[in-house]
Amino acid sequence: DAVHTAHFSIGSGTKLAMEDAIALATALEQQADIESALNEYELERKLVVEIFQNAAQVSQAYFETIKRYLGLEPLPFTFQLLTRSGRISYDDLRLRDPRFGDTIDRWFAQKAAKSRFSLAPPPMFTPFELRDLTLTNRIVLSPGTQEACVQNGMPNDESMAHIKNCYLSGAGLVMTGTMAVSVEGRITPDCMGMYDANHVSEWAKIVQTVHDETPAKIAIQLGHAGRRGATRSRSEGLDRPLRQGSWQIISASPLPYTPQSQVPREMNRSDMEHVCHDFVRAANMAQEAGFDLLQLNFAHGYLLASFLSPLTNLRCDEYGGNLVKRMRFPLEVFDAVRAIWPEHKPISVAIS
């Protein structure tokens, strides 16, 4: 048991020790020498032990932060306790105790729908409220492409077909791919954008179609490519710089995304103000087009993400250093967008 400890809260120390003993005895019996037996023993047991240790760490973190759960009602508190380590999932719990699973589903559905159920739907199919926005279910689908467009960032028939597949599937929320907030903020020349009046009119038609044909809502994700910009179509490979027609790219620090990537220029204060203005303009356009929810992309190594990581933000000014400083510019963008985005409409951030 002392060879590889696991936090006592998952109660598996003795179990692991007994399984280790069996595995070691078997290896010694089957292998010709001790070294081979120990190698075989380690190969068999290492992954198993690491899985339990990971679960134990999650369980330990739960108990170390248990104060955050003490205000829960008894049913959700019990559910959180039983599923805390990840070894028991929602589906596992239903298999082990269907009655408790049904009770949890009814409680959850009644809270979400504000009505009583004798036979409750699974949590995924219950309504979800965000400010004044109500989704009919908790399924979110995205077309998963940013390049289905013609020139100048305009959506075309292909992009409309992708979105149509999403909203006709029954999803409660349809999310666009990342839309560039400026010409310079594109990933590739074929990326969709929200920086031109023509974009507004075209997307207004799409949004209206979604609203007319289904109860689904539609969200827009806005982003700036940063150091991942000015690349070729992804059909030619990921993050490959343009051979011609490139443009100057910017980032938190002058670090290329890959060894083959263009070296970005480190942003100055003027650049930050310009980018912030682009996000605000795009958000205003998104509101004019009728989108129900707005999401800002702080992920995937794009511009705002480059400020968050100490690996990509090497600045020595007020926008680099500790986490508070690294978050400063992304939060400035968020605050500026939130200030003009309607109060009754939700806004979110993608961070992974």
Protein backbone atom coordinates (compact mmCIF):
# COMPACT_ATOMS: atom_id res chain seq x y z
CA ASP A 1 0.00 0.00 0.00
CA ALA A 2 2.91 2.36 0.70
CA VAL A 3 4.50 1.83 -2.72
CA HIS A 4 2.00 4.12 -4.43
CA THR A 5 -0.28 6.11 -2.19
CA ALA A 6 -3.78 7.23 -3.16
CA HIS A 7 -5.81 9.63 -1.08
CA PHE A 8 -7.87 7.75 1.49
CA SER A 9 -11.14 9.38 0.35
CA ILE A 10 -11.59 6.87 -2.48
CA GLY A 11 -10.98 3.90 -0.16
CA SER A 12 -8.87 1.91 -2.62
CA GLY A 13 -5.50 1.55 -0.88
CA THR A 14 -6.06 -1.99 0.40
CA LYS A 15 -7.65 -3.03 -2.90
CA LEU A 16 -4.64 -1.77 -4.86
CA ALA A 17 -2.21 -3.46 -2.46
CA MET A 18 -3.96 -6.83 -2.83
CA GLU A 19 -4.09 -6.54 -6.61
CA ASP A 20 -0.40 -5.59 -6.63
CA ALA A 21 0.45 -8.66 -4.58
CA ILE A 22 -1.44 -10.92 -6.97
CA ALA A 23 0.17 -9.31 -10.03
CA LEU A 24 3.65 -9.53 -8.50
CA ALA A 25 3.23 -13.17 -7.52
CA THR A 26 1.97 -14.01 -11.00
CA ALA A 27 4.88 -12.20 -12.65
CA LEU A 28 7.45 -13.96 -10.45
CA GLU A 29 5.87 -17.29 -11.27
CA GLN A 30 5.73 -16.73 -15.03
CA GLN A 31 9.03 -14.93 -15.69
CA ALA A 32 12.46 -16.55 -15.76
CA ASP A 33 14.25 -13.96 -13.60
CA ILE A 34 13.43 -11.25 -11.08
CA GLU A 35 14.25 -8.31 -13.37
CA SER A 36 11.86 -9.57 -16.06
CA ALA A 37 9.21 -10.24 -13.43
CA LEU A 38 9.47 -6.72 -12.03
CA ASN A 39 9.28 -5.21 -15.52
CA GLU A 40 6.18 -7.26 -16.27
CA TYR A 41 4.66 -6.27 -12.93
CA GLU A 42 5.25 -2.57 -13.58
CA LEU A 43 3.82 -2.74 -17.10
CA GLU A 44 0.66 -4.38 -15.81
CA ARG A 45 0.07 -2.22 -12.76
CA LYS A 46 1.37 1.24 -13.60
CA LEU A 47 -1.57 2.41 -15.72
CA VAL A 48 -4.12 1.00 -13.27
CA VAL A 49 -2.46 2.75 -10.34
CA GLU A 50 -2.22 6.06 -12.21
CA ILE A 51 -5.94 5.95 -12.98
CA PHE A 52 -6.76 5.45 -9.31
CA GLN A 53 -4.30 8.12 -8.21
CA ASN A 54 -5.86 10.61 -10.61
CA ALA A 55 -9.32 9.79 -9.27
CA ALA A 56 -7.98 10.15 -5.74
CA GLN A 57 -6.56 13.60 -6.50
CA VAL A 58 -9.92 14.74 -7.86
CA SER A 59 -11.66 13.33 -4.79
CA GLN A 60 -9.15 15.03 -2.51
CA ALA A 61 -9.77 18.37 -4.24
CA TYR A 62 -13.50 17.88 -3.71
CA PHE A 63 -13.12 17.50 0.04
CA GLU A 64 -10.62 20.34 0.25
CA THR A 65 -13.19 22.65 -1.35
CA ILE A 66 -16.31 21.06 0.11
CA LYS A 67 -17.54 24.39 1.48
CA ARG A 68 -18.65 25.35 -2.01
CA TYR A 69 -21.12 22.42 -2.01
CA LEU A 70 -22.52 22.80 1.49
CA GLY A 71 -25.31 25.09 0.32
CA LEU A 72 -26.69 22.53 -2.11
CA GLU A 73 -29.95 20.76 -1.47
CA PRO A 74 -29.61 17.15 -0.22
CA LEU A 75 -30.19 15.48 -3.60
CA PRO A 76 -27.62 17.41 -5.66
CA PHE A 77 -25.18 17.27 -2.74
CA THR A 78 -25.48 13.48 -2.70
CA PHE A 79 -25.06 13.31 -6.47
CA GLN A 80 -21.93 15.48 -6.31
CA LEU A 81 -20.51 13.35 -3.52
CA LEU A 82 -21.07 10.06 -5.34
CA THR A 83 -19.64 11.30 -8.65
CA ARG A 84 -16.84 13.46 -7.21
CA SER A 85 -13.88 11.40 -8.44
CA GLY A 86 -15.12 10.76 -11.97
CA ARG A 87 -14.97 7.00 -11.47
CA ILE A 88 -18.76 6.95 -11.20
CA SER A 89 -20.53 8.89 -13.93
CA TYR A 90 -24.17 9.84 -14.33
CA ASP A 91 -24.72 6.74 -16.49
CA ASP A 92 -22.90 4.49 -13.99
CA LEU A 93 -25.07 5.82 -11.20
CA ARG A 94 -28.25 5.09 -13.13
CA LEU A 95 -27.10 1.51 -13.73
CA ARG A 96 -26.22 0.98 -10.07
CA ASP A 97 -29.31 2.66 -8.64
CA PRO A 98 -32.03 3.39 -11.24
CA ARG A 99 -34.40 4.67 -8.57
CA PHE A 100 -31.93 7.28 -7.37
CA GLY A 101 -31.19 8.21 -11.00
CA ASP A 102 -34.90 8.79 -11.66
CA THR A 103 -35.16 10.88 -8.51
CA ILE A 104 -32.23 13.06 -9.60
CA ASP A 105 -33.71 13.47 -13.08
CA ARG A 106 -37.08 14.55 -11.67
CA TRP A 107 -35.46 17.02 -9.29
CA PHE A 108 -33.31 18.47 -12.07
CA ALA A 109 -36.18 18.71 -14.57
CA GLN A 110 -38.48 20.36 -12.04
CA LYS A 111 -35.83 22.95 -11.25
CA ALA A 112 -35.10 23.62 -14.93
CA ALA A 113 -38.66 23.62 -16.27
CA LYS A 114 -40.32 24.95 -13.10
CA SER A 115 -42.97 22.22 -13.31
CA ARG A 116 -43.49 18.75 -11.90
CA PHE A 117 -42.79 15.54 -13.80
CA SER A 118 -43.87 11.96 -13.20
CA LEU A 119 -41.45 10.79 -15.89
CA ALA A 120 -38.63 13.30 -16.23
CA PRO A 121 -36.47 13.76 -19.34
CA PRO A 122 -32.69 13.33 -19.04
CA PRO A 123 -30.96 16.55 -17.92
CA MET A 124 -29.64 17.16 -21.45
CA PHE A 125 -33.19 17.70 -22.69
CA THR A 126 -34.32 20.14 -20.02
CA PRO A 127 -34.56 23.91 -20.64
CA PHE A 128 -31.66 26.19 -19.81
CA GLU A 129 -31.91 29.88 -18.96
CA LEU A 130 -29.20 32.49 -19.51
CA ARG A 131 -30.41 35.97 -18.58
CA ASP A 132 -33.57 36.42 -20.69
CA LEU A 133 -32.60 33.68 -23.14
CA THR A 134 -34.27 30.29 -22.70
CA LEU A 135 -32.94 27.28 -24.60
CA THR A 136 -35.32 24.37 -25.14
CA ASN A 137 -32.52 21.92 -24.32
CA ARG A 138 -28.83 21.88 -23.41
CA ILE A 139 -27.47 20.67 -26.75
CA VAL A 140 -25.12 23.09 -28.51
CA LEU A 141 -23.93 22.42 -32.04
CA SER A 142 -21.47 24.29 -34.23
CA PRO A 143 -20.91 23.81 -37.96
CA GLY A 144 -17.24 23.33 -37.06
CA THR A 145 -15.82 25.31 -39.95
CA GLN A 146 -14.65 28.88 -40.43
CA GLU A 147 -13.82 28.61 -44.11
CA ALA A 148 -17.17 27.92 -45.80
CA CYS A 149 -17.44 31.36 -47.38
CA VAL A 150 -16.74 33.34 -50.49
CA GLN A 151 -14.54 36.41 -50.65
CA ASN A 152 -14.68 39.22 -48.11
CA GLY A 153 -15.87 37.06 -45.23
CA MET A 154 -19.37 36.49 -46.60
CA PRO A 155 -21.22 33.23 -45.82
CA ASN A 156 -22.27 31.16 -48.80
CA ASP A 157 -24.62 28.25 -49.51
CA GLU A 158 -22.20 25.77 -47.95
CA SER A 159 -22.05 27.64 -44.65
CA MET A 160 -25.84 27.96 -44.63
CA ALA A 161 -26.15 24.21 -45.23
CA HIS A 162 -23.88 23.49 -42.25
CA ILE A 163 -25.94 25.75 -40.00
CA LYS A 164 -29.20 24.28 -41.29
CA ASN A 165 -28.02 20.79 -40.39
CA CYS A 166 -27.37 22.02 -36.86
CA TYR A 167 -30.67 23.74 -36.17
CA LEU A 168 -32.77 21.04 -37.84
CA SER A 169 -31.09 18.44 -35.61
CA GLY A 170 -33.07 19.73 -32.65
CA ALA A 171 -30.19 21.45 -30.85
CA GLY A 172 -31.23 24.18 -28.45
CA LEU A 173 -28.35 26.45 -29.51
CA VAL A 174 -26.47 26.75 -32.79
CA MET A 175 -23.04 28.36 -32.59
CA THR A 176 -21.25 29.83 -35.60
CA GLY A 177 -17.61 29.09 -36.18
CA THR A 178 -15.14 31.79 -35.18
CA MET A 179 -15.96 35.00 -37.06
CA ALA A 180 -13.10 37.41 -37.64
CA VAL A 181 -13.65 40.90 -36.25
CA SER A 182 -11.50 42.46 -38.97
CA VAL A 183 -9.74 41.68 -42.22
CA GLU A 184 -6.45 41.46 -40.32
CA GLY A 185 -8.04 39.14 -37.77
CA ARG A 186 -8.74 36.33 -40.23
CA ILE A 187 -7.11 32.93 -39.92
CA THR A 188 -7.18 32.36 -43.68
CA PRO A 189 -8.42 34.52 -46.57
CA ASP A 190 -11.55 32.32 -46.71
CA CYS A 191 -12.66 32.87 -43.11
CA MET A 192 -16.07 34.27 -42.29
CA GLY A 193 -16.18 37.66 -40.65
CA MET A 194 -18.32 40.32 -39.04
CA TYR A 195 -16.72 43.60 -40.08
CA ASP A 196 -18.71 44.76 -43.11
CA ALA A 197 -22.28 45.99 -43.58
CA ASN A 198 -22.87 43.22 -46.11
CA HIS A 199 -22.05 40.65 -43.41
CA VAL A 200 -24.83 42.05 -41.24
CA SER A 201 -27.53 41.82 -43.91
CA GLU A 202 -26.54 38.30 -44.93
CA TRP A 203 -26.38 36.97 -41.38
CA ALA A 204 -29.65 38.69 -40.51
CA LYS A 205 -31.33 36.48 -43.12
CA ILE A 206 -29.73 33.35 -41.65
CA VAL A 207 -30.66 34.29 -38.09
CA GLN A 208 -34.24 34.99 -39.13
CA THR A 209 -34.44 31.62 -40.89
CA VAL A 210 -33.27 29.82 -37.75
CA HIS A 211 -35.86 31.66 -35.65
CA ASP A 212 -38.67 31.08 -38.17
CA GLU A 213 -38.11 27.37 -38.75
CA THR A 214 -37.23 26.07 -35.27
CA PRO A 215 -37.27 27.04 -31.59
CA ALA A 216 -33.45 26.98 -31.66
CA LYS A 217 -31.39 30.04 -30.79
CA ILE A 218 -28.25 31.10 -32.61
CA ALA A 219 -24.98 32.42 -31.18
CA ILE A 220 -22.02 34.10 -32.82
CA GLN A 221 -18.40 33.57 -31.81
CA LEU A 222 -16.09 36.51 -32.42
CA GLY A 223 -12.33 36.23 -32.53
CA HIS A 224 -9.04 37.54 -33.84
CA ALA A 225 -6.50 35.06 -35.22
CA GLY A 226 -3.45 36.87 -33.87
CA ARG A 227 -0.27 34.92 -34.59
CA ARG A 228 -2.29 32.13 -36.23
CA GLY A 229 -3.45 34.48 -38.98
CA ALA A 230 -2.43 34.86 -42.63
CA THR A 231 -2.37 31.12 -43.25
CA ARG A 232 -3.45 28.94 -46.14
CA SER A 233 -6.72 27.06 -46.30
CA ARG A 234 -6.71 24.18 -43.85
CA SER A 235 -7.24 21.78 -46.74
CA GLU A 236 -3.55 22.46 -47.49
CA GLY A 237 -2.47 21.79 -43.92
CA LEU A 238 -2.76 23.44 -40.52
CA ASP A 239 -1.08 26.80 -39.81
CA ARG A 240 0.86 26.98 -43.07
CA PRO A 241 1.75 30.59 -43.96
CA LEU A 242 0.35 32.11 -47.13
CA ARG A 243 2.67 31.98 -50.13
CA GLN A 244 1.31 35.31 -51.37
CA GLY A 245 -1.22 37.91 -50.32
CA SER A 246 -0.15 37.78 -46.68
CA TRP A 247 -0.68 40.51 -44.11
CA GLN A 248 1.04 41.70 -40.94
CA ILE A 249 0.00 39.64 -37.92
CA ILE A 250 0.12 40.68 -34.27
CA SER A 251 0.32 38.95 -30.91
CA ALA A 252 1.08 39.54 -27.25
CA SER A 253 4.77 38.84 -27.94
CA PRO A 254 6.81 38.33 -31.14
CA LEU A 255 6.70 34.53 -31.01
CA PRO A 256 5.71 32.51 -34.12
CA TYR A 257 2.99 29.91 -33.65
CA THR A 258 5.11 27.21 -35.34
CA PRO A 259 8.74 27.28 -36.52
CA GLN A 260 7.40 27.86 -40.05
CA SER A 261 4.92 30.58 -39.06
CA GLN A 262 5.29 34.28 -39.73
CA VAL A 263 6.76 36.14 -36.74
CA PRO A 264 4.04 38.41 -35.32
CA ARG A 265 4.62 41.98 -34.26
CA GLU A 266 4.26 42.63 -30.54
CA MET A 267 1.16 44.71 -29.95
CA ASN A 268 1.48 48.25 -28.67
CA ARG A 269 -1.21 50.27 -26.94
CA SER A 270 -2.48 51.66 -30.24
CA ASP A 271 -2.91 48.11 -31.57
CA MET A 272 -4.88 47.15 -28.47
CA GLU A 273 -7.24 50.08 -28.85
CA HIS A 274 -7.73 49.23 -32.52
CA VAL A 275 -8.46 45.56 -31.80
CA CYS A 276 -10.82 46.45 -28.96
CA HIS A 277 -12.67 48.78 -31.34
CA ASP A 278 -12.93 45.94 -33.88
CA PHE A 279 -14.52 43.64 -31.30
CA VAL A 280 -17.00 46.33 -30.26
CA ARG A 281 -17.91 47.06 -33.89
CA ALA A 282 -18.40 43.35 -34.60
CA ALA A 283 -20.57 42.96 -31.49
CA ASN A 284 -22.76 45.87 -32.60
CA MET A 285 -23.11 44.25 -36.00
CA ALA A 286 -24.00 40.92 -34.38
CA GLN A 287 -26.73 42.65 -32.39
CA GLU A 288 -28.04 44.29 -35.56
CA ALA A 289 -28.13 40.88 -37.26
CA GLY A 290 -30.24 39.52 -34.39
CA PHE A 291 -27.95 36.96 -32.77
CA ASP A 292 -29.22 35.65 -29.43
CA LEU A 293 -25.89 35.10 -27.68
CA LEU A 294 -22.34 36.31 -28.21
CA GLN A 295 -19.18 34.40 -27.41
CA LEU A 296 -15.63 35.74 -27.41
CA ASN A 297 -12.82 33.38 -28.39
CA PHE A 298 -10.07 33.44 -25.75
CA ALA A 299 -8.80 30.01 -26.83
CA HIS A 300 -6.89 27.96 -29.40
CA GLY A 301 -3.77 30.11 -29.45
CA TYR A 302 -5.51 33.06 -31.10
CA LEU A 303 -4.86 36.69 -30.22
CA LEU A 304 -6.60 37.00 -26.85
CA ALA A 305 -5.35 33.56 -25.79
CA SER A 306 -1.78 34.66 -26.47
CA PHE A 307 -2.06 37.17 -23.62
CA LEU A 308 -3.26 34.60 -21.09
CA SER A 309 -0.42 32.09 -21.19
CA PRO A 310 3.01 32.82 -19.67
CA LEU A 311 4.46 30.74 -22.52
CA THR A 312 3.18 33.15 -25.18
CA ASN A 313 3.08 36.40 -23.22
CA LEU A 314 6.62 37.55 -22.43
CA ARG A 315 5.74 41.21 -22.03
CA CYS A 316 7.36 43.34 -19.33
CA ASP A 317 4.68 46.04 -19.23
CA GLU A 318 1.31 46.16 -17.47
CA TYR A 319 -0.03 43.50 -19.86
CA GLY A 320 2.52 40.81 -18.99
CA GLY A 321 3.90 39.07 -15.94
CA ASN A 322 1.52 37.62 -13.37
CA LEU A 323 -1.93 36.27 -14.21
CA VAL A 324 -3.73 39.49 -13.30
CA LYS A 325 -1.61 41.46 -15.75
CA ARG A 326 -1.87 38.81 -18.48
CA MET A 327 -5.65 38.89 -18.18
CA ARG A 328 -5.82 42.68 -18.42
CA PHE A 329 -6.19 43.11 -22.18
CA PRO A 330 -8.60 40.20 -22.75
CA LEU A 331 -10.76 41.57 -19.93
CA GLU A 332 -10.60 45.06 -21.42
CA VAL A 333 -12.02 43.59 -24.62
CA PHE A 334 -14.68 41.68 -22.70
CA ASP A 335 -15.74 44.74 -20.70
CA ALA A 336 -15.95 46.89 -23.82
CA VAL A 337 -18.11 44.31 -25.60
CA ARG A 338 -20.30 43.67 -22.57
CA ALA A 339 -20.91 47.42 -22.26
CA ILE A 340 -22.56 47.61 -25.69
CA TRP A 341 -24.08 44.11 -25.89
CA PRO A 342 -27.74 44.27 -24.73
CA GLU A 343 -28.10 43.65 -21.01
CA HIS A 344 -30.80 41.02 -21.50
CA LYS A 345 -28.63 38.95 -23.85
CA PRO A 346 -25.94 36.61 -22.52
CA ILE A 347 -22.27 36.73 -23.40
CA SER A 348 -19.75 33.94 -22.88
CA VAL A 349 -16.06 33.21 -23.37
CA ALA A 350 -14.38 30.19 -24.95
CA ILE A 351 -11.16 29.43 -23.09
CA SER A 352 -10.33 25.88 -24.22
